[in-house]
Amino acid sequence: MQPDVSFVLPVYNKAAALPYFFASLLAQTGEMSFEVVFVDDVSTDNSLDILNELAARHDFVRVISNKVNAGPSVRLNQGVQSAQGVYLALFDCDEILAPDAIETMLSLAKQHGADMVHGRGRKTDAPIQDVRAKPIGKNFSITVHDDPLARILGRGMVRMTWLVKRDLFRMANGCDEAVFVQDESLALRLASRAQRLVESDMVVTMAPDMGSHISQNTLQLNHDRFLVYLNFLRAHPELPRDVRVKLYRKCISAIKKARRDGAPFAAVPVLMRYMMGKLGLVDPDPDSLMPYRQIFRHMPNIRRIEKEVSC
């Protein structure tokens, strides 16, 4: 029987967090069936041993192991390929789920006919073994977006706190596998094909500082952000000009932030492009951004995946 929800969870060196995350997954309330697909990305700690133990104890848990570290974009796509649920629950597995997180998100998806539901995470300084996520209950607000792409091209939604239809993920071709970190590309590509997005201020996860987040490398984030929007701009020449201008502006914003963090971009051209983009006085031609891609490509301390752009 097809499960209602598939948790699809890339794992890299999460041994210290996995037992606590999984306990919060098991504590989910509501009448729903689910499976759990863990995808290990060649962890160097004992994450894989823990995952295999969980799979041995629970028949709804599957583990995919690999021989090459490829990053969360590739591994999330890999996990979804084997997932069977109507919906996908996409989270970071070093956080603690609210006990009614999936029940509440699933209810919102069905109530509003949404193929994407997004909640919030809240950071905590407490060690993960002491973290207790409170039930969401009914005290939250939502916004329903019938133009999900317009919402994503506004203020970003990059936190991995998603419930999405599996069919949408596959129709959108998942994450951009040319980019190591999945956060930006996942939201963008899903939104480009989604019919309706429900955004909520409900806190669905508590996020302790586990000291291993890729997000601490701001140059990596801005490299990935630039590449995500450049790839999407190149792949979709059919989009209206105003949407392409917004994509172009996202690229320039990533360049500007990367320069602030030490990337070797000349100040004046970047600032001129940034201001012209703000005014909408640009030709959103992705070819004009290719010299910046070459500079990004040769920057040190950036994880890269050398793949052709996937549309």
Protein backbone atom coordinates (compact mmCIF):
# COMPACT_ATOMS: atom_id res chain seq x y z
CA MET A 1 0.00 0.00 0.00
CA GLN A 2 1.31 3.45 -0.91
CA PRO A 3 2.34 5.42 2.20
CA ASP A 4 0.93 8.86 2.78
CA VAL A 5 4.37 10.36 3.48
CA SER A 6 7.96 9.50 2.64
CA PHE A 7 10.64 11.06 4.80
CA VAL A 8 13.65 11.47 2.47
CA LEU A 9 16.77 12.34 4.45
CA PRO A 10 20.32 12.78 3.17
CA VAL A 11 22.86 11.98 5.88
CA TYR A 12 26.47 13.03 6.24
CA ASN A 13 28.17 12.63 9.62
CA LYS A 14 25.01 12.96 11.72
CA ALA A 15 25.73 10.17 14.19
CA ALA A 16 25.43 12.46 17.21
CA ALA A 17 21.99 13.67 16.15
CA LEU A 18 20.34 10.71 14.43
CA PRO A 19 18.94 8.91 17.52
CA TYR A 20 17.27 12.11 18.74
CA PHE A 21 15.92 13.07 15.33
CA PHE A 22 14.55 9.58 14.76
CA ALA A 23 12.89 9.56 18.18
CA SER A 24 11.08 12.77 17.24
CA LEU A 25 10.06 11.18 13.94
CA LEU A 26 8.62 8.15 15.74
CA ALA A 27 6.71 10.49 18.06
CA GLN A 28 4.73 12.04 15.19
CA THR A 29 1.02 12.17 15.89
CA GLY A 30 -1.87 11.63 13.50
CA GLU A 31 -3.40 8.84 11.45
CA MET A 32 -1.00 8.57 8.52
CA SER A 33 1.25 5.93 7.05
CA PHE A 34 4.88 6.73 6.33
CA GLU A 35 8.21 5.36 5.24
CA VAL A 36 11.71 6.67 5.92
CA VAL A 37 14.43 6.74 3.27
CA PHE A 38 17.88 7.62 4.60
CA VAL A 39 20.59 8.29 2.00
CA ASP A 40 24.09 8.14 3.44
CA ASP A 41 26.63 10.30 1.61
CA VAL A 42 29.74 8.35 2.66
CA SER A 43 29.74 9.47 6.27
CA THR A 44 33.09 9.18 8.02
CA ASP A 45 31.56 8.70 11.48
CA ASN A 46 29.29 5.80 12.44
CA SER A 47 26.15 7.29 10.88
CA LEU A 48 25.76 4.37 8.49
CA ASP A 49 25.96 1.85 11.34
CA ILE A 50 23.19 3.73 13.16
CA LEU A 51 21.06 3.87 10.04
CA ASN A 52 21.47 0.16 9.40
CA GLU A 53 20.47 -0.58 12.99
CA LEU A 54 17.32 1.51 12.55
CA ALA A 55 16.48 -0.33 9.33
CA ALA A 56 16.98 -3.68 11.06
CA ARG A 57 14.51 -2.70 13.79
CA HIS A 58 11.87 -0.97 11.65
CA ASP A 59 10.51 -2.35 8.40
CA PHE A 60 9.44 1.13 7.22
CA VAL A 61 13.07 2.34 7.20
CA ARG A 62 15.32 1.93 4.17
CA VAL A 63 18.97 2.92 3.87
CA ILE A 64 20.78 3.81 0.65
CA SER A 65 24.56 3.78 0.95
CA ASN A 66 27.04 5.22 -1.53
CA LYS A 67 30.71 5.03 -2.39
CA VAL A 68 31.31 8.68 -3.42
CA ASN A 69 30.44 11.83 -1.49
CA ALA A 70 28.26 13.90 -3.84
CA GLY A 71 26.42 16.37 -1.60
CA PRO A 72 22.84 16.84 -0.48
CA SER A 73 21.42 17.88 -3.87
CA VAL A 74 22.39 14.59 -5.51
CA ARG A 75 21.50 12.51 -2.48
CA LEU A 76 18.06 14.06 -2.02
CA ASN A 77 17.24 13.33 -5.65
CA GLN A 78 18.55 9.81 -5.22
CA GLY A 79 16.33 9.20 -2.21
CA VAL A 80 13.22 10.55 -3.90
CA GLN A 81 13.77 8.16 -6.80
CA SER A 82 13.07 5.26 -4.46
CA ALA A 83 10.39 6.97 -2.35
CA GLN A 84 6.78 5.81 -2.71
CA GLY A 85 4.77 8.28 -0.63
CA VAL A 86 2.13 10.65 -1.93
CA TYR A 87 3.98 13.43 -0.10
CA LEU A 88 7.65 13.93 0.72
CA ALA A 89 8.75 15.20 4.13
CA LEU A 90 12.06 16.97 3.58
CA PHE A 91 13.99 17.97 6.69
CA ASP A 92 17.52 18.15 8.07
CA CYS A 93 18.07 15.11 10.25
CA ASP A 94 20.08 16.92 12.92
CA GLU A 95 17.00 18.76 14.19
CA ILE A 96 14.02 17.83 16.37
CA LEU A 97 10.55 17.64 14.87
CA ALA A 98 7.52 19.07 16.61
CA PRO A 99 5.32 16.09 17.53
CA ASP A 100 2.45 17.24 15.28
CA ALA A 101 4.63 18.67 12.48
CA ILE A 102 3.71 16.24 9.70
CA GLU A 103 0.09 15.88 10.79
CA THR A 104 -0.35 19.66 10.66
CA MET A 105 1.50 20.15 7.36
CA LEU A 106 -0.43 17.30 5.74
CA SER A 107 -3.71 18.78 6.92
CA LEU A 108 -2.81 22.17 5.42
CA ALA A 109 -1.83 20.60 2.10
CA LYS A 110 -5.16 18.77 1.83
CA GLN A 111 -7.29 21.61 3.15
CA HIS A 112 -5.88 24.15 0.69
CA GLY A 113 -5.13 21.90 -2.26
CA ALA A 114 -1.45 22.78 -1.99
CA ASP A 115 1.43 20.84 -3.47
CA MET A 116 3.99 22.66 -1.28
CA VAL A 117 3.81 23.44 2.46
CA HIS A 118 6.59 25.25 4.30
CA GLY A 119 7.10 25.73 8.03
CA ARG A 120 9.78 27.36 10.14
CA GLY A 121 12.73 26.16 12.15
CA ARG A 122 13.83 27.74 15.40
CA LYS A 123 17.44 27.73 16.52
CA THR A 124 18.35 26.74 20.05
CA ASP A 125 21.57 26.79 22.05
CA ALA A 126 20.55 23.69 23.99
CA PRO A 127 22.38 20.44 23.22
CA ILE A 128 20.27 18.15 21.08
CA GLN A 129 19.73 15.64 23.87
CA ASP A 130 17.95 18.37 25.87
CA VAL A 131 15.84 19.79 23.04
CA ARG A 132 12.07 19.36 23.27
CA ALA A 133 9.99 20.69 20.41
CA LYS A 134 6.58 21.96 21.50
CA PRO A 135 3.40 20.86 19.73
CA ILE A 136 2.29 23.30 17.05
CA GLY A 137 -1.36 23.17 17.99
CA LYS A 138 -3.63 25.73 16.33
CA ASN A 139 -1.80 28.95 17.16
CA PHE A 140 -0.19 29.78 13.82
CA SER A 141 -0.93 31.77 10.69
CA ILE A 142 -0.66 30.87 7.04
CA THR A 143 -0.41 32.59 3.66
CA VAL A 144 -1.63 30.82 0.54
CA HIS A 145 0.28 31.62 -2.66
CA ASP A 146 -1.27 30.82 -6.03
CA ASP A 147 1.91 32.00 -7.77
CA PRO A 148 4.58 30.03 -5.88
CA LEU A 149 7.40 31.15 -8.18
CA ALA A 150 6.66 34.82 -7.50
CA ARG A 151 6.84 34.07 -3.76
CA ILE A 152 10.18 32.27 -4.04
CA LEU A 153 11.64 35.08 -6.16
CA GLY A 154 10.75 37.51 -3.40
CA ARG A 155 12.11 36.78 0.06
CA GLY A 156 13.73 33.37 -0.15
CA MET A 157 12.48 30.16 1.47
CA VAL A 158 15.51 27.96 1.83
CA ARG A 159 15.04 26.15 5.12
CA MET A 160 14.58 22.38 4.80
CA THR A 161 11.15 22.30 6.43
CA TRP A 162 9.04 21.11 3.49
CA LEU A 163 6.13 18.83 2.82
CA VAL A 164 5.67 18.53 -0.96
CA LYS A 165 3.89 16.21 -3.34
CA ARG A 166 6.18 13.55 -4.73
CA ASP A 167 4.73 14.05 -8.20
CA LEU A 168 5.68 17.74 -8.06
CA PHE A 169 9.26 16.91 -7.08
CA ARG A 170 9.61 14.54 -10.01
CA MET A 171 7.92 16.91 -12.48
CA ALA A 172 10.35 19.66 -11.41
CA ASN A 173 13.34 17.28 -11.74
CA GLY A 174 14.19 17.79 -8.09
CA CYS A 175 17.33 19.64 -7.06
CA ASP A 176 19.85 21.13 -9.46
CA GLU A 177 22.60 18.50 -9.37
CA ALA A 178 25.17 20.99 -10.67
CA VAL A 179 24.99 22.65 -7.23
CA PHE A 180 26.31 21.02 -4.07
CA VAL A 181 23.80 22.46 -1.56
CA GLN A 182 20.13 21.88 -2.37
CA ASP A 183 18.37 24.65 -0.42
CA GLU A 184 18.01 27.35 -3.11
CA SER A 185 17.44 25.09 -6.10
CA LEU A 186 14.85 22.92 -4.39
CA ALA A 187 12.49 25.78 -3.57
CA LEU A 188 12.99 27.48 -6.94
CA ARG A 189 12.49 24.43 -9.12
CA LEU A 190 9.50 23.13 -7.15
CA ALA A 191 7.84 26.55 -7.18
CA SER A 192 8.25 26.84 -10.95
CA ARG A 193 5.92 23.83 -11.38
CA ALA A 194 3.71 24.09 -8.27
CA GLN A 195 0.08 25.18 -8.36
CA ARG A 196 -0.21 26.37 -4.77
CA LEU A 197 2.14 27.01 -1.85
CA VAL A 198 1.09 27.27 1.78
CA GLU A 199 3.56 29.26 3.89
CA SER A 200 3.21 29.14 7.66
CA ASP A 201 4.90 30.67 10.67
CA MET A 202 4.45 27.44 12.65
CA VAL A 203 7.66 26.08 14.17
CA VAL A 204 8.04 22.56 12.83
CA THR A 205 11.62 21.91 13.96
CA MET A 206 14.00 22.96 16.70
CA ALA A 207 17.56 23.31 15.39
CA PRO A 208 20.45 22.92 17.83
CA ASP A 209 23.93 24.00 16.78
CA MET A 210 25.60 20.76 15.76
CA GLY A 211 28.68 22.57 14.42
CA SER A 212 28.67 20.98 10.97
CA HIS A 213 26.33 23.04 8.82
CA ILE A 214 27.47 23.90 5.30
CA SER A 215 25.58 27.16 5.82
CA GLN A 216 28.50 28.43 7.91
CA ASN A 217 30.49 28.80 4.67
CA THR A 218 28.92 31.97 3.24
CA LEU A 219 31.05 31.85 0.10
CA GLN A 220 29.69 28.37 -0.58
CA LEU A 221 26.14 29.63 -0.12
CA ASN A 222 26.58 32.58 -2.46
CA HIS A 223 28.41 30.44 -5.04
CA ASP A 224 25.49 28.00 -4.96
CA ARG A 225 22.88 30.76 -4.98
CA PHE A 226 24.46 32.37 -8.04
CA LEU A 227 24.71 29.08 -9.90
CA VAL A 228 21.14 28.05 -9.09
CA TYR A 229 19.63 31.22 -10.52
CA LEU A 230 22.03 31.36 -13.46
CA ASN A 231 21.25 27.76 -14.41
CA PHE A 232 17.53 28.38 -14.10
CA LEU A 233 17.77 31.56 -16.17
CA ARG A 234 19.64 29.69 -18.90
CA ALA A 235 17.23 26.76 -18.83
CA HIS A 236 14.05 28.84 -19.11
CA PRO A 237 14.26 31.45 -21.88
CA GLU A 238 10.48 31.20 -22.25
CA LEU A 239 9.80 32.97 -18.96
CA PRO A 240 8.36 36.51 -19.04
CA ARG A 241 10.90 39.32 -18.98
CA ASP A 242 9.91 40.50 -15.50
CA VAL A 243 10.57 37.01 -14.09
CA ARG A 244 13.90 36.80 -15.90
CA VAL A 245 14.89 40.19 -14.49
CA LYS A 246 14.16 38.88 -10.99
CA LEU A 247 16.34 35.84 -11.66
CA TYR A 248 19.10 38.09 -12.97
CA ARG A 249 18.85 40.24 -9.85
CA LYS A 250 19.19 37.16 -7.66
CA CYS A 251 22.43 36.35 -9.49
CA ILE A 252 23.81 39.85 -8.98
CA SER A 253 22.80 39.87 -5.33
CA ALA A 254 24.76 36.64 -4.80
CA ILE A 255 27.79 38.17 -6.56
CA LYS A 256 27.55 41.29 -4.39
CA LYS A 257 27.37 39.25 -1.18
CA ALA A 258 30.22 37.00 -2.29
CA ARG A 259 32.37 40.08 -2.96
CA ARG A 260 31.60 41.29 0.57
CA ASP A 261 32.89 37.93 1.84
CA GLY A 262 36.13 38.09 -0.12
CA ALA A 263 35.36 36.95 -3.67
CA PRO A 264 37.60 38.74 -6.21
CA PHE A 265 34.92 40.66 -8.09
CA ALA A 266 35.58 44.25 -9.21
CA ALA A 267 33.44 46.63 -7.14
CA VAL A 268 32.23 49.15 -9.70
CA PRO A 269 30.81 46.75 -12.33
CA VAL A 270 29.06 44.72 -9.64
CA LEU A 271 27.48 47.78 -8.04
CA MET A 272 26.41 49.14 -11.41
CA ARG A 273 24.77 45.84 -12.35
CA TYR A 274 23.14 45.70 -8.94
CA MET A 275 21.63 49.20 -9.22
CA MET A 276 20.51 48.69 -12.81
CA GLY A 277 18.91 45.42 -11.80
CA LYS A 278 17.04 47.12 -8.95
CA LEU A 279 15.68 49.61 -11.47
CA GLY A 280 14.81 46.88 -13.96
CA LEU A 281 17.06 48.50 -16.56
CA VAL A 282 18.92 45.36 -17.57
CA ASP A 283 18.90 42.83 -20.34
CA PRO A 284 18.56 39.58 -18.34
CA ASP A 285 20.89 37.72 -20.66
CA PRO A 286 22.55 34.86 -18.79
CA ASP A 287 25.54 35.00 -21.14
CA SER A 288 26.50 38.36 -19.64
CA LEU A 289 26.94 36.59 -16.28
CA MET A 290 29.22 33.82 -17.52
CA PRO A 291 32.48 35.68 -16.66
CA TYR A 292 31.36 35.68 -13.02
CA ARG A 293 30.74 31.96 -13.20
CA GLN A 294 34.32 31.47 -14.35
CA ILE A 295 35.61 33.44 -11.36
CA PHE A 296 33.40 31.47 -8.98
CA ARG A 297 34.63 28.25 -10.58
CA HIS A 298 38.23 28.96 -9.61
CA MET A 299 37.61 30.11 -6.05
CA PRO A 300 39.08 27.85 -3.33
CA ASN A 301 37.19 26.15 -0.49
CA ILE A 302 34.01 25.67 -2.53
CA ARG A 303 32.40 22.26 -2.94
CA ARG A 304 31.44 21.75 -6.58
CA ILE A 305 29.74 19.14 -8.70
CA GLU A 306 30.93 19.24 -12.29
CA LYS A 307 27.74 18.41 -14.14
CA GLU A 308 25.90 19.87 -17.06
CA VAL A 309 22.90 22.05 -16.26
CA SER A 310 19.75 19.99 -15.78
CA CYS A 311 16.52 21.69 -16.81
